[in-house]
PDB file of N, CA and C in Angstrom:
ATOM      1  N   ASP A   1      80.024  93.882 106.781  1.00  0.00           N
ATOM      2  CA  ASP A   1      78.670  94.023 105.556  1.00  0.00           C
ATOM      3  C   ASP A   1      77.518  94.254 105.943  1.00  0.00           C
ATOM      4  N   ASP A   2      77.425  93.314 107.256  1.00  0.00           N
ATOM      5  CA  ASP A   2      76.323  93.741 107.982  1.00  0.00           C
ATOM      6  C   ASP A   2      75.722  95.391 108.348  1.00  0.00           C
ATOM      7  N   LYS A   3      76.427  95.663 108.675  1.00  0.00           N
ATOM      8  CA  LYS A   3      76.944  97.622 109.418  1.00  0.00           C
ATOM      9  C   LYS A   3      76.518  98.387 107.822  1.00  0.00           C
ATOM     10  N   ILE A   4      77.296  97.899 106.715  1.00  0.00           N
ATOM     11  CA  ILE A   4      77.262  98.917 105.529  1.00  0.00           C
ATOM     12  C   ILE A   4      75.710  98.804 105.321  1.00  0.00           C
ATOM     13  N   ASN A   5      75.513  97.612 105.044  1.00  0.00           N
ATOM     14  CA  ASN A   5      74.141  97.243 104.456  1.00  0.00           C
ATOM     15  C   ASN A   5      72.842  98.255 105.546  1.00  0.00           C
ATOM     16  N   ALA A   6      73.463  98.003 106.988  1.00  0.00           N
ATOM     17  CA  ALA A   6      71.845  98.706 107.685  1.00  0.00           C
ATOM     18  C   ALA A   6      72.480 100.006 107.215  1.00  0.00           C
ATOM     19  N   LEU A   7      73.639 100.955 107.236  1.00  0.00           N
ATOM     20  CA  LEU A   7      73.744 101.999 106.913  1.00  0.00           C
ATOM     21  C   LEU A   7      72.978 102.222 105.490  1.00  0.00           C
ATOM     22  N   ARG A   8      73.029 101.807 104.432  1.00  0.00           N
ATOM     23  CA  ARG A   8      72.732 102.036 103.404  1.00  0.00           C
ATOM     24  C   ARG A   8      71.117 101.731 103.262  1.00  0.00           C
ATOM     25  N   ALA A   9      70.078 101.531 104.139  1.00  0.00           N
ATOM     26  CA  ALA A   9      69.048 100.940 104.680  1.00  0.00           C
ATOM     27  C   ALA A   9      68.562 102.429 104.937  1.00  0.00           C
ATOM     28  N   HIS A  10      68.993 103.657 105.392  1.00  0.00           N
ATOM     29  CA  HIS A  10      68.501 104.594 105.327  1.00  0.00           C
ATOM     30  C   HIS A  10      69.267 105.743 104.397  1.00  0.00           C
ATOM     31  N   GLN A  11      69.265 105.812 103.510  1.00  0.00           N
ATOM     32  CA  GLN A  11      69.486 106.700 102.823  1.00  0.00           C
ATOM     33  C   GLN A  11      69.289 107.980 102.714  1.00  0.00           C
ATOM     34  N   THR A  12      68.583 108.592 103.460  1.00  0.00           N
ATOM     35  CA  THR A  12      68.600 109.985 104.409  1.00  0.00           C
ATOM     36  C   THR A  12      70.230 110.590 105.417  1.00  0.00           C
ATOM     37  N   GLN A  13      70.443 109.263 105.563  1.00  0.00           N
ATOM     38  CA  GLN A  13      71.644 109.344 106.351  1.00  0.00           C
ATOM     39  C   GLN A  13      72.865 109.839 105.654  1.00  0.00           C
ATOM     40  N   VAL A  14      72.438 108.528 104.549  1.00  0.00           N
ATOM     41  CA  VAL A  14      74.124 108.565 103.763  1.00  0.00           C
ATOM     42  C   VAL A  14      74.290 108.837 102.459  1.00  0.00           C
ATOM     43  N   GLY A  15      72.554 108.696 101.867  1.00  0.00           N
ATOM     44  CA  GLY A  15      72.348 109.228 100.607  1.00  0.00           C
ATOM     45  C   GLY A  15      73.012 107.813 100.100  1.00  0.00           C
ATOM     46  N   GLU A  16      73.781 108.620  98.368  1.00  0.00           N
ATOM     47  CA  GLU A  16      74.213 107.394  98.058  1.00  0.00           C
ATOM     48  C   GLU A  16      75.592 106.669  98.480  1.00  0.00           C
ATOM     49  N   ALA A  17      76.705 107.568  98.853  1.00  0.00           N
ATOM     50  CA  ALA A  17      77.792 106.789  99.735  1.00  0.00           C
ATOM     51  C   ALA A  17      78.232 105.848  98.797  1.00  0.00           C
ATOM     52  N   LYS A  18      78.947 105.766  97.568  1.00  0.00           N
ATOM     53  CA  LYS A  18      79.322 104.865  97.205  1.00  0.00           C
ATOM     54  C   LYS A  18      80.811 104.494  97.952  1.00  0.00           C
ATOM     55  N   GLU A  19      81.729 105.513  98.826  1.00  0.00           N
ATOM     56  CA  GLU A  19      82.457 105.642  99.259  1.00  0.00           C
ATOM     57  C   GLU A  19      82.084 105.265 100.752  1.00  0.00           C
ATOM     58  N   LEU A  20      81.324 104.198 100.838  1.00  0.00           N
ATOM     59  CA  LEU A  20      80.545 104.008 102.261  1.00  0.00           C
ATOM     60  C   LEU A  20      82.083 103.453 103.372  1.00  0.00           C
ATOM     61  N   PRO A  21      82.246 101.844 102.355  1.00  0.00           N
ATOM     62  CA  PRO A  21      82.340 100.888 102.767  1.00  0.00           C
ATOM     63  C   PRO A  21      84.242 101.084 102.927  1.00  0.00           C
ATOM     64  N   GLU A  22      84.966 101.848 101.975  1.00  0.00           N
ATOM     65  CA  GLU A  22      86.070 102.863 102.504  1.00  0.00           C
ATOM     66  C   GLU A  22      86.203 103.422 103.821  1.00  0.00           C
ATOM     67  N   ARG A  23      85.397 104.326 104.070  1.00  0.00           N
ATOM     68  CA  ARG A  23      85.242 105.469 104.957  1.00  0.00           C
ATOM     69  C   ARG A  23      85.258 104.163 106.052  1.00  0.00           C
ATOM     70  N   LEU A  24      84.312 103.656 106.154  1.00  0.00           N
ATOM     71  CA  LEU A  24      83.456 102.894 107.321  1.00  0.00           C
ATOM     72  C   LEU A  24      85.052 102.213 107.780  1.00  0.00           C
ATOM     73  N   ARG A  25      85.853 101.928 107.010  1.00  0.00           N
ATOM     74  CA  ARG A  25      87.408 100.305 107.407  1.00  0.00           C
ATOM     75  C   ARG A  25      88.089 101.902 107.255  1.00  0.00           C
ATOM     76  N   GLY A  26      88.012 102.632 107.187  1.00  0.00           N
ATOM     77  CA  GLY A  26      89.103 103.446 107.873  1.00  0.00           C
ATOM     78  C   GLY A  26      88.802 104.517 109.155  1.00  0.00           C
ATOM     79  N   PHE A  27      87.503 104.648 109.810  1.00  0.00           N
ATOM     80  CA  PHE A  27      87.280 104.734 110.581  1.00  0.00           C
ATOM     81  C   PHE A  27      87.936 103.698 111.682  1.00  0.00           C
ATOM     82  N   SER A  28      87.443 102.874 111.239  1.00  0.00           N
ATOM     83  CA  SER A  28      87.473 100.861 112.117  1.00  0.00           C
ATOM     84  C   SER A  28      88.861 101.315 112.592  1.00  0.00           C
ATOM     85  N   SER A  29      89.590 101.308 111.300  1.00  0.00           N
ATOM     86  CA  SER A  29      91.244 100.544 111.545  1.00  0.00           C
ATOM     87  C   SER A  29      91.745 101.921 112.540  1.00  0.00           C
ATOM     88  N   ASP A  30      91.120 103.076 112.401  1.00  0.00           N
ATOM     89  CA  ASP A  30      91.920 104.284 112.835  1.00  0.00           C
ATOM     90  C   ASP A  30      91.972 104.137 114.778  1.00  0.00           C
ATOM     91  N   ILE A  31      90.512 103.900 114.799  1.00  0.00           N
ATOM     92  CA  ILE A  31      90.322 103.496 116.292  1.00  0.00           C
ATOM     93  C   ILE A  31      91.078 101.968 117.264  1.00  0.00           C
ATOM     94  N   ALA A  32      91.740 101.370 115.853  1.00  0.00           N
ATOM     95  CA  ALA A  32      91.789 100.519 116.210  1.00  0.00           C
ATOM     96  C   ALA A  32      93.584 100.062 116.190  1.00  0.00           C
ATOM     97  N   ARG A  33      94.356 101.413 116.030  1.00  0.00           N
ATOM     98  CA  ARG A  33      94.792 101.478 115.648  1.00  0.00           C
ATOM     99  C   ARG A  33      95.973 100.964 116.661  1.00  0.00           C
ATOM    100  N   ASP A  34      96.339 101.582 117.759  1.00  0.00           N
ATOM    101  CA  ASP A  34      96.949 100.778 119.244  1.00  0.00           C
ATOM    102  C   ASP A  34      96.718  99.641 119.849  1.00  0.00           C
ATOM    103  N   GLN A  35      95.923  98.695 119.556  1.00  0.00           N
ATOM    104  CA  GLN A  35      94.917  97.567 120.012  1.00  0.00           C
ATOM    105  C   GLN A  35      95.924  96.229 118.910  1.00  0.00           C
ATOM    106  N   PRO A  36      95.426  94.515 119.273  1.00  0.00           N
ATOM    107  CA  PRO A  36      95.931  94.046 118.367  1.00  0.00           C
ATOM    108  C   PRO A  36      94.875  93.672 117.494  1.00  0.00           C
ATOM    109  N   PHE A  37      94.562  94.296 116.983  1.00  0.00           N
ATOM    110  CA  PHE A  37      93.217  93.850 116.297  1.00  0.00           C
ATOM    111  C   PHE A  37      93.060  94.581 114.956  1.00  0.00           C
ATOM    112  N   GLU A  38      92.766  94.459 114.232  1.00  0.00           N
ATOM    113  CA  GLU A  38      92.796  95.338 112.465  1.00  0.00           C
ATOM    114  C   GLU A  38      91.515  96.242 112.364  1.00  0.00           C
ATOM    115  N   LEU A  39      90.489  96.023 112.720  1.00  0.00           N
ATOM    116  CA  LEU A  39      89.510  97.186 113.076  1.00  0.00           C
ATOM    117  C   LEU A  39      88.491  96.862 114.428  1.00  0.00           C
ATOM    118  N   ALA A  40      87.558  98.387 115.182  1.00  0.00           N
ATOM    119  CA  ALA A  40      87.455  98.235 116.234  1.00  0.00           C
ATOM    120  C   ALA A  40      86.007  99.437 115.919  1.00  0.00           C
ATOM    121  N   GLU A  41      85.453  99.243 117.175  1.00  0.00           N
ATOM    122  CA  GLU A  41      84.348 100.162 117.202  1.00  0.00           C
ATOM    123  C   GLU A  41      84.688 101.214 118.625  1.00  0.00           C
ATOM    124  N   ALA A  42      84.034 101.979 118.636  1.00  0.00           N
ATOM    125  CA  ALA A  42      84.400 102.883 120.596  1.00  0.00           C
ATOM    126  C   ALA A  42      82.920 103.633 119.955  1.00  0.00           C
ATOM    127  N   TYR A  43      82.597 103.367 121.630  1.00  0.00           N
ATOM    128  CA  TYR A  43      81.468 104.349 122.375  1.00  0.00           C
ATOM    129  C   TYR A  43      81.611 105.143 123.477  1.00  0.00           C
ATOM    130  N   LYS A  44      80.983 106.036 123.084  1.00  0.00           N
ATOM    131  CA  LYS A  44      81.327 107.335 123.909  1.00  0.00           C
ATOM    132  C   LYS A  44      80.107 107.150 125.115  1.00  0.00           C
ATOM    133  N   VAL A  45      79.834 107.383 126.385  1.00  0.00           N
ATOM    134  CA  VAL A  45      78.716 106.993 127.418  1.00  0.00           C
ATOM    135  C   VAL A  45      79.293 108.543 127.785  1.00  0.00           C
ATOM    136  N   ILE A  46      77.444 109.103 127.677  1.00  0.00           N
ATOM    137  CA  ILE A  46      76.995 110.557 127.842  1.00  0.00           C
ATOM    138  C   ILE A  46      76.049 109.824 129.392  1.00  0.00           C
ATOM    139  N   LYS A  47      76.362 110.217 130.530  1.00  0.00           N
ATOM    140  CA  LYS A  47      75.712 110.414 131.728  1.00  0.00           C
ATOM    141  C   LYS A  47      75.259 112.331 131.979  1.00  0.00           C
ATOM    142  N   MET A  48      73.738 111.834 131.662  1.00  0.00           N
ATOM    143  CA  MET A  48      72.655 112.799 132.208  1.00  0.00           C
ATOM    144  C   MET A  48      72.604 113.192 133.142  1.00  0.00           C
ATOM    145  N   ARG A  49      72.359 114.229 133.583  1.00  0.00           N
ATOM    146  CA  ARG A  49      72.397 115.018 135.557  1.00  0.00           C
ATOM    147  C   ARG A  49      70.672 115.240 135.999  1.00  0.00           C
ATOM    148  N   THR A  50      70.246 114.384 136.186  1.00  0.00           N
ATOM    149  CA  THR A  50      68.706 115.029 136.653  1.00  0.00           C
ATOM    150  C   THR A  50      67.779 115.223 138.113  1.00  0.00           C
TER     151      THR A  50
END
């Protein structure tokens, strides 16, 4: 709920997004597919050369 509320606070990013909770739950359940839990988040680390 906190994540959804935070995203909704930025309407320029998500607009009306009535389907936002369902979409986020779908993304999170896809990421957790092979894990022993229902929902997950994934992050990618990008290292830049200097």
